[in-house]
Amino acid sequence: MEPVPLALVAAPDHPLAAAPRVTAADLAGERLLVNVPACSFRLAGDRVIGPGVERVRAGSVTVMASWAERGLGIALLPEFAVRDRLDSGALARLALDAPDLSLRLVWRTDRESLPGLREVLYAASA
């Protein structure tokens, strides 16, 4: 599958929103809005941002983006999920170098005969 760019986002009036570059050290003391521990972009945030931020479980991508928009924390999210909010100015992208996510499809071979699975796999690989 194609790489998925990540965006570290915050409210437009966040103190780091205008910074030309943001490092993990700049984020010390921030509240990072997160999803479940096994979430791919939460794991990416753990690697990129490190332990210096407070993690606040916010639930879904939509909830994390909404909370960030309201100044309740920062969130590392797939860019496609927040593109409209970034374009409208509802969210600001913080200038943190974050790697793209590389997603893979994994399925159980004993489930290949499920109706529609093969079509989904073919569509995802196109």
N, C-alpha and C. Protein backbone atom coordinates (compact mmCIF):
# COMPACT_ATOMS: atom_id res chain seq x y z
N MET A 1 0.84 -1.17 0.00
CA MET A 1 0.00 0.00 0.00
C MET A 1 0.89 1.24 0.00
N GLU A 2 0.30 2.37 -0.33
CA GLU A 2 1.03 3.63 -0.36
C GLU A 2 1.40 4.09 1.05
N PRO A 3 2.53 4.79 1.20
CA PRO A 3 2.86 5.36 2.51
C PRO A 3 1.79 6.37 2.94
N VAL A 4 1.56 6.45 4.24
CA VAL A 4 0.56 7.36 4.80
C VAL A 4 1.28 8.45 5.58
N PRO A 5 1.31 9.69 5.07
CA PRO A 5 1.95 10.78 5.81
C PRO A 5 1.21 11.07 7.11
N LEU A 6 1.97 11.37 8.15
CA LEU A 6 1.40 11.75 9.44
C LEU A 6 1.56 13.24 9.64
N ALA A 7 0.62 13.84 10.35
CA ALA A 7 0.68 15.27 10.67
C ALA A 7 0.50 15.44 12.17
N LEU A 8 1.41 16.18 12.79
CA LEU A 8 1.25 16.55 14.19
C LEU A 8 0.45 17.84 14.18
N VAL A 9 -0.74 17.80 14.78
CA VAL A 9 -1.65 18.94 14.69
C VAL A 9 -1.99 19.49 16.07
N ALA A 10 -2.37 20.77 16.06
CA ALA A 10 -2.76 21.47 17.28
C ALA A 10 -3.72 22.59 16.90
N ALA A 11 -4.25 23.24 17.91
CA ALA A 11 -5.09 24.41 17.67
C ALA A 11 -4.25 25.49 17.00
N PRO A 12 -4.85 26.31 16.15
CA PRO A 12 -4.09 27.35 15.45
C PRO A 12 -3.38 28.33 16.38
N ASP A 13 -3.89 28.52 17.59
CA ASP A 13 -3.25 29.46 18.51
C ASP A 13 -2.24 28.78 19.45
N HIS A 14 -1.92 27.53 19.17
CA HIS A 14 -0.93 26.81 19.99
C HIS A 14 0.42 27.52 19.88
N PRO A 15 1.17 27.64 20.97
CA PRO A 15 2.46 28.35 20.93
C PRO A 15 3.45 27.80 19.90
N LEU A 16 3.37 26.52 19.55
CA LEU A 16 4.31 25.94 18.58
C LEU A 16 3.79 26.01 17.14
N ALA A 17 2.58 26.50 16.94
CA ALA A 17 2.00 26.53 15.60
C ALA A 17 2.80 27.39 14.63
N ALA A 18 3.44 28.43 15.12
CA ALA A 18 4.21 29.32 14.25
C ALA A 18 5.70 28.98 14.22
N ALA A 19 6.11 27.97 14.97
CA ALA A 19 7.54 27.62 15.01
C ALA A 19 7.97 27.03 13.67
N PRO A 20 9.13 27.46 13.15
CA PRO A 20 9.59 26.94 11.87
C PRO A 20 10.00 25.47 11.93
N ARG A 21 10.34 25.00 13.11
CA ARG A 21 10.74 23.59 13.30
C ARG A 21 10.38 23.20 14.73
N VAL A 22 9.88 21.99 14.89
CA VAL A 22 9.52 21.46 16.20
C VAL A 22 10.26 20.15 16.40
N THR A 23 10.87 19.99 17.57
CA THR A 23 11.55 18.75 17.91
C THR A 23 10.81 18.07 19.06
N ALA A 24 11.17 16.83 19.32
CA ALA A 24 10.56 16.11 20.44
C ALA A 24 10.80 16.86 21.74
N ALA A 25 11.96 17.48 21.89
CA ALA A 25 12.26 18.23 23.12
C ALA A 25 11.31 19.42 23.29
N ASP A 26 10.90 20.03 22.18
CA ASP A 26 9.96 21.17 22.25
C ASP A 26 8.59 20.74 22.78
N LEU A 27 8.29 19.47 22.69
CA LEU A 27 6.97 18.97 23.07
C LEU A 27 6.89 18.54 24.53
N ALA A 28 7.99 18.66 25.26
CA ALA A 28 8.00 18.26 26.67
C ALA A 28 6.88 18.98 27.42
N GLY A 29 6.12 18.22 28.16
CA GLY A 29 5.02 18.79 28.94
C GLY A 29 3.71 18.92 28.19
N GLU A 30 3.71 18.65 26.89
CA GLU A 30 2.47 18.72 26.11
C GLU A 30 1.58 17.51 26.41
N ARG A 31 0.32 17.64 26.05
CA ARG A 31 -0.63 16.53 26.14
C ARG A 31 -0.83 15.96 24.74
N LEU A 32 -0.41 14.71 24.55
CA LEU A 32 -0.57 14.04 23.26
C LEU A 32 -1.85 13.21 23.30
N LEU A 33 -2.77 13.55 22.44
CA LEU A 33 -4.04 12.83 22.35
C LEU A 33 -3.81 11.55 21.58
N VAL A 34 -4.18 10.42 22.16
CA VAL A 34 -3.86 9.12 21.57
C VAL A 34 -5.09 8.23 21.48
N ASN A 35 -4.90 7.16 20.75
CA ASN A 35 -5.89 6.13 20.54
C ASN A 35 -5.46 4.90 21.35
N VAL A 36 -5.94 3.74 20.98
CA VAL A 36 -5.58 2.50 21.67
C VAL A 36 -4.08 2.21 21.53
N PRO A 37 -3.48 1.49 22.47
CA PRO A 37 -2.03 1.26 22.44
C PRO A 37 -1.52 0.58 21.17
N ALA A 38 -2.32 -0.25 20.52
CA ALA A 38 -1.86 -0.95 19.32
C ALA A 38 -2.06 -0.16 18.03
N CYS A 39 -2.57 1.06 18.11
CA CYS A 39 -2.82 1.89 16.94
C CYS A 39 -1.50 2.27 16.26
N SER A 40 -1.44 2.15 14.95
CA SER A 40 -0.19 2.39 14.22
C SER A 40 0.34 3.80 14.39
N PHE A 41 -0.52 4.81 14.37
CA PHE A 41 0.02 6.16 14.52
C PHE A 41 0.32 6.50 15.97
N ARG A 42 -0.29 5.80 16.92
CA ARG A 42 0.14 5.97 18.31
C ARG A 42 1.54 5.39 18.49
N LEU A 43 1.78 4.22 17.90
CA LEU A 43 3.11 3.61 17.97
C LEU A 43 4.15 4.51 17.31
N ALA A 44 3.78 5.12 16.19
CA ALA A 44 4.70 6.06 15.53
C ALA A 44 4.99 7.24 16.44
N GLY A 45 3.98 7.75 17.11
CA GLY A 45 4.17 8.85 18.05
C GLY A 45 5.08 8.48 19.20
N ASP A 46 4.95 7.24 19.68
CA ASP A 46 5.84 6.78 20.75
C ASP A 46 7.29 6.83 20.30
N ARG A 47 7.54 6.43 19.05
CA ARG A 47 8.92 6.43 18.53
C ARG A 47 9.42 7.84 18.26
N VAL A 48 8.61 8.66 17.64
CA VAL A 48 9.04 9.99 17.20
C VAL A 48 9.09 11.00 18.34
N ILE A 49 8.08 10.99 19.18
CA ILE A 49 7.95 12.00 20.23
C ILE A 49 8.61 11.57 21.52
N GLY A 50 8.59 10.27 21.79
CA GLY A 50 9.23 9.77 23.00
C GLY A 50 8.37 9.93 24.23
N PRO A 51 8.97 9.73 25.41
CA PRO A 51 8.20 9.68 26.65
C PRO A 51 7.93 11.03 27.31
N GLY A 52 8.41 12.13 26.77
CA GLY A 52 8.33 13.42 27.45
C GLY A 52 7.00 14.12 27.43
N VAL A 53 5.98 13.46 26.88
CA VAL A 53 4.66 14.08 26.81
C VAL A 53 3.66 13.24 27.59
N GLU A 54 2.64 13.90 28.10
CA GLU A 54 1.55 13.18 28.77
C GLU A 54 0.63 12.63 27.68
N ARG A 55 0.30 11.36 27.76
CA ARG A 55 -0.61 10.76 26.79
C ARG A 55 -2.02 10.72 27.38
N VAL A 56 -2.96 11.23 26.59
CA VAL A 56 -4.36 11.28 27.02
C VAL A 56 -5.18 10.50 26.02
N ARG A 57 -5.81 9.44 26.48
CA ARG A 57 -6.61 8.62 25.57
C ARG A 57 -7.89 9.36 25.20
N ALA A 58 -8.03 9.62 23.91
CA ALA A 58 -9.15 10.42 23.42
C ALA A 58 -10.11 9.63 22.56
N GLY A 59 -9.75 8.43 22.17
CA GLY A 59 -10.67 7.63 21.36
C GLY A 59 -10.35 7.70 19.89
N SER A 60 -11.34 8.02 19.09
CA SER A 60 -11.23 7.95 17.64
C SER A 60 -10.41 9.10 17.05
N VAL A 61 -10.07 8.95 15.78
CA VAL A 61 -9.36 10.01 15.05
C VAL A 61 -10.18 11.29 15.07
N THR A 62 -11.47 11.19 14.87
CA THR A 62 -12.33 12.37 14.86
C THR A 62 -12.32 13.07 16.21
N VAL A 63 -12.37 12.31 17.28
CA VAL A 63 -12.34 12.90 18.62
C VAL A 63 -10.99 13.56 18.87
N MET A 64 -9.90 12.88 18.50
CA MET A 64 -8.57 13.46 18.71
C MET A 64 -8.43 14.78 17.94
N ALA A 65 -8.87 14.80 16.69
CA ALA A 65 -8.78 16.03 15.89
C ALA A 65 -9.64 17.14 16.50
N SER A 66 -10.83 16.80 16.96
CA SER A 66 -11.72 17.80 17.56
C SER A 66 -11.14 18.35 18.86
N TRP A 67 -10.58 17.48 19.69
CA TRP A 67 -9.97 17.94 20.93
C TRP A 67 -8.76 18.82 20.65
N ALA A 68 -7.94 18.43 19.67
CA ALA A 68 -6.78 19.25 19.31
C ALA A 68 -7.24 20.61 18.81
N GLU A 69 -8.28 20.62 18.01
CA GLU A 69 -8.84 21.87 17.48
C GLU A 69 -9.27 22.81 18.60
N ARG A 70 -9.73 22.25 19.69
CA ARG A 70 -10.20 23.04 20.83
C ARG A 70 -9.10 23.35 21.85
N GLY A 71 -7.86 22.97 21.52
CA GLY A 71 -6.75 23.30 22.39
C GLY A 71 -6.55 22.36 23.57
N LEU A 72 -7.13 21.17 23.49
CA LEU A 72 -7.02 20.22 24.61
C LEU A 72 -5.79 19.33 24.52
N GLY A 73 -4.97 19.52 23.50
CA GLY A 73 -3.76 18.73 23.33
C GLY A 73 -3.32 18.77 21.88
N ILE A 74 -2.28 18.00 21.59
CA ILE A 74 -1.78 17.84 20.23
C ILE A 74 -2.06 16.41 19.80
N ALA A 75 -2.07 16.16 18.50
CA ALA A 75 -2.38 14.81 18.02
C ALA A 75 -1.54 14.51 16.78
N LEU A 76 -1.00 13.30 16.72
CA LEU A 76 -0.29 12.81 15.55
C LEU A 76 -1.27 11.91 14.80
N LEU A 77 -1.72 12.38 13.64
CA LEU A 77 -2.79 11.71 12.91
C LEU A 77 -2.43 11.55 11.44
N PRO A 78 -3.07 10.60 10.75
CA PRO A 78 -2.87 10.50 9.31
C PRO A 78 -3.30 11.82 8.65
N GLU A 79 -2.45 12.32 7.77
CA GLU A 79 -2.73 13.61 7.13
C GLU A 79 -4.08 13.62 6.43
N PHE A 80 -4.43 12.52 5.75
CA PHE A 80 -5.71 12.51 5.02
C PHE A 80 -6.90 12.70 5.96
N ALA A 81 -6.76 12.31 7.22
CA ALA A 81 -7.87 12.42 8.17
C ALA A 81 -8.09 13.85 8.66
N VAL A 82 -7.08 14.70 8.52
CA VAL A 82 -7.21 16.09 9.02
C VAL A 82 -6.97 17.13 7.93
N ARG A 83 -6.83 16.69 6.69
CA ARG A 83 -6.52 17.62 5.59
C ARG A 83 -7.53 18.76 5.49
N ASP A 84 -8.83 18.44 5.58
CA ASP A 84 -9.86 19.49 5.48
C ASP A 84 -9.73 20.51 6.61
N ARG A 85 -9.45 20.04 7.81
CA ARG A 85 -9.31 20.95 8.96
C ARG A 85 -8.04 21.78 8.84
N LEU A 86 -6.99 21.20 8.26
CA LEU A 86 -5.76 21.98 8.04
C LEU A 86 -6.01 23.04 6.97
N ASP A 87 -6.66 22.65 5.88
CA ASP A 87 -6.94 23.59 4.79
C ASP A 87 -7.84 24.74 5.23
N SER A 88 -8.77 24.45 6.13
CA SER A 88 -9.70 25.49 6.59
C SER A 88 -9.12 26.37 7.69
N GLY A 89 -7.98 25.96 8.25
CA GLY A 89 -7.38 26.71 9.35
C GLY A 89 -7.90 26.32 10.72
N ALA A 90 -8.76 25.31 10.78
CA ALA A 90 -9.28 24.85 12.07
C ALA A 90 -8.20 24.18 12.90
N LEU A 91 -7.23 23.57 12.23
CA LEU A 91 -6.07 22.96 12.87
C LEU A 91 -4.81 23.53 12.24
N ALA A 92 -3.73 23.53 13.01
CA ALA A 92 -2.42 23.93 12.49
C ALA A 92 -1.51 22.71 12.52
N ARG A 93 -0.71 22.58 11.48
CA ARG A 93 0.27 21.49 11.44
C ARG A 93 1.55 21.97 12.09
N LEU A 94 2.01 21.25 13.10
CA LEU A 94 3.27 21.58 13.75
C LEU A 94 4.41 21.01 12.91
N ALA A 95 5.51 21.75 12.82
CA ALA A 95 6.61 21.41 11.93
C ALA A 95 7.55 20.37 12.54
N LEU A 96 6.99 19.22 12.84
CA LEU A 96 7.76 18.08 13.36
C LEU A 96 8.03 17.13 12.21
N ASP A 97 9.27 16.70 12.07
CA ASP A 97 9.58 15.69 11.06
C ASP A 97 9.06 14.35 11.54
N ALA A 98 8.00 13.88 10.93
CA ALA A 98 7.41 12.59 11.29
C ALA A 98 7.49 11.67 10.08
N PRO A 99 7.90 10.44 10.29
CA PRO A 99 7.98 9.52 9.15
C PRO A 99 6.59 9.14 8.66
N ASP A 100 6.51 8.75 7.40
CA ASP A 100 5.26 8.21 6.87
C ASP A 100 5.02 6.83 7.49
N LEU A 101 3.77 6.46 7.61
CA LEU A 101 3.44 5.10 8.02
C LEU A 101 3.47 4.20 6.80
N SER A 102 3.98 3.02 6.97
CA SER A 102 3.91 2.00 5.92
C SER A 102 2.93 0.95 6.39
N LEU A 103 1.80 0.91 5.74
CA LEU A 103 0.75 -0.02 6.14
C LEU A 103 0.81 -1.28 5.29
N ARG A 104 0.44 -2.37 5.90
CA ARG A 104 0.40 -3.65 5.20
C ARG A 104 -0.95 -4.31 5.49
N LEU A 105 -1.41 -5.06 4.52
CA LEU A 105 -2.63 -5.84 4.74
C LEU A 105 -2.22 -7.23 5.21
N VAL A 106 -2.85 -7.68 6.26
CA VAL A 106 -2.59 -9.01 6.79
C VAL A 106 -3.93 -9.71 6.96
N TRP A 107 -3.98 -10.95 6.56
CA TRP A 107 -5.21 -11.71 6.73
C TRP A 107 -4.86 -13.16 7.01
N ARG A 108 -5.80 -13.85 7.57
CA ARG A 108 -5.61 -15.26 7.89
C ARG A 108 -5.93 -16.09 6.66
N THR A 109 -5.04 -17.02 6.33
CA THR A 109 -5.26 -17.84 5.14
C THR A 109 -6.50 -18.72 5.28
N ASP A 110 -6.88 -19.06 6.51
CA ASP A 110 -8.08 -19.88 6.67
C ASP A 110 -9.36 -19.07 6.49
N ARG A 111 -9.23 -17.78 6.24
CA ARG A 111 -10.40 -16.91 6.04
C ARG A 111 -10.48 -16.37 4.61
N GLU A 112 -9.62 -16.85 3.72
CA GLU A 112 -9.60 -16.34 2.35
C GLU A 112 -10.90 -16.61 1.60
N SER A 113 -11.67 -17.56 2.06
CA SER A 113 -12.91 -17.89 1.34
C SER A 113 -14.10 -17.04 1.79
N LEU A 114 -13.89 -16.10 2.70
CA LEU A 114 -14.99 -15.22 3.12
C LEU A 114 -15.50 -14.43 1.91
N PRO A 115 -16.81 -14.29 1.79
CA PRO A 115 -17.37 -13.55 0.65
C PRO A 115 -16.83 -12.12 0.58
N GLY A 116 -16.32 -11.76 -0.58
CA GLY A 116 -15.86 -10.40 -0.81
C GLY A 116 -14.44 -10.10 -0.38
N LEU A 117 -13.80 -10.99 0.39
CA LEU A 117 -12.45 -10.69 0.88
C LEU A 117 -11.45 -10.53 -0.27
N ARG A 118 -11.48 -11.44 -1.21
CA ARG A 118 -10.52 -11.37 -2.32
C ARG A 118 -10.69 -10.06 -3.10
N GLU A 119 -11.92 -9.61 -3.31
CA GLU A 119 -12.16 -8.35 -4.02
C GLU A 119 -11.61 -7.16 -3.24
N VAL A 120 -11.78 -7.19 -1.93
CA VAL A 120 -11.23 -6.11 -1.10
C VAL A 120 -9.71 -6.09 -1.20
N LEU A 121 -9.08 -7.25 -1.14
CA LEU A 121 -7.62 -7.32 -1.23
C LEU A 121 -7.13 -6.84 -2.59
N TYR A 122 -7.80 -7.24 -3.65
CA TYR A 122 -7.42 -6.77 -4.99
C TYR A 122 -7.59 -5.26 -5.11
N ALA A 123 -8.68 -4.73 -4.59
CA ALA A 123 -8.92 -3.28 -4.67
C ALA A 123 -7.87 -2.51 -3.88
N ALA A 124 -7.50 -3.02 -2.72
CA ALA A 124 -6.51 -2.33 -1.89
C ALA A 124 -5.13 -2.35 -2.51
N SER A 125 -4.83 -3.37 -3.30
CA SER A 125 -3.50 -3.46 -3.90
C SER A 125 -3.40 -2.72 -5.22
N ALA A 126 -4.52 -2.22 -5.73
CA ALA A 126 -4.52 -1.53 -7.04
C ALA A 126 -3.91 -0.15 -6.93
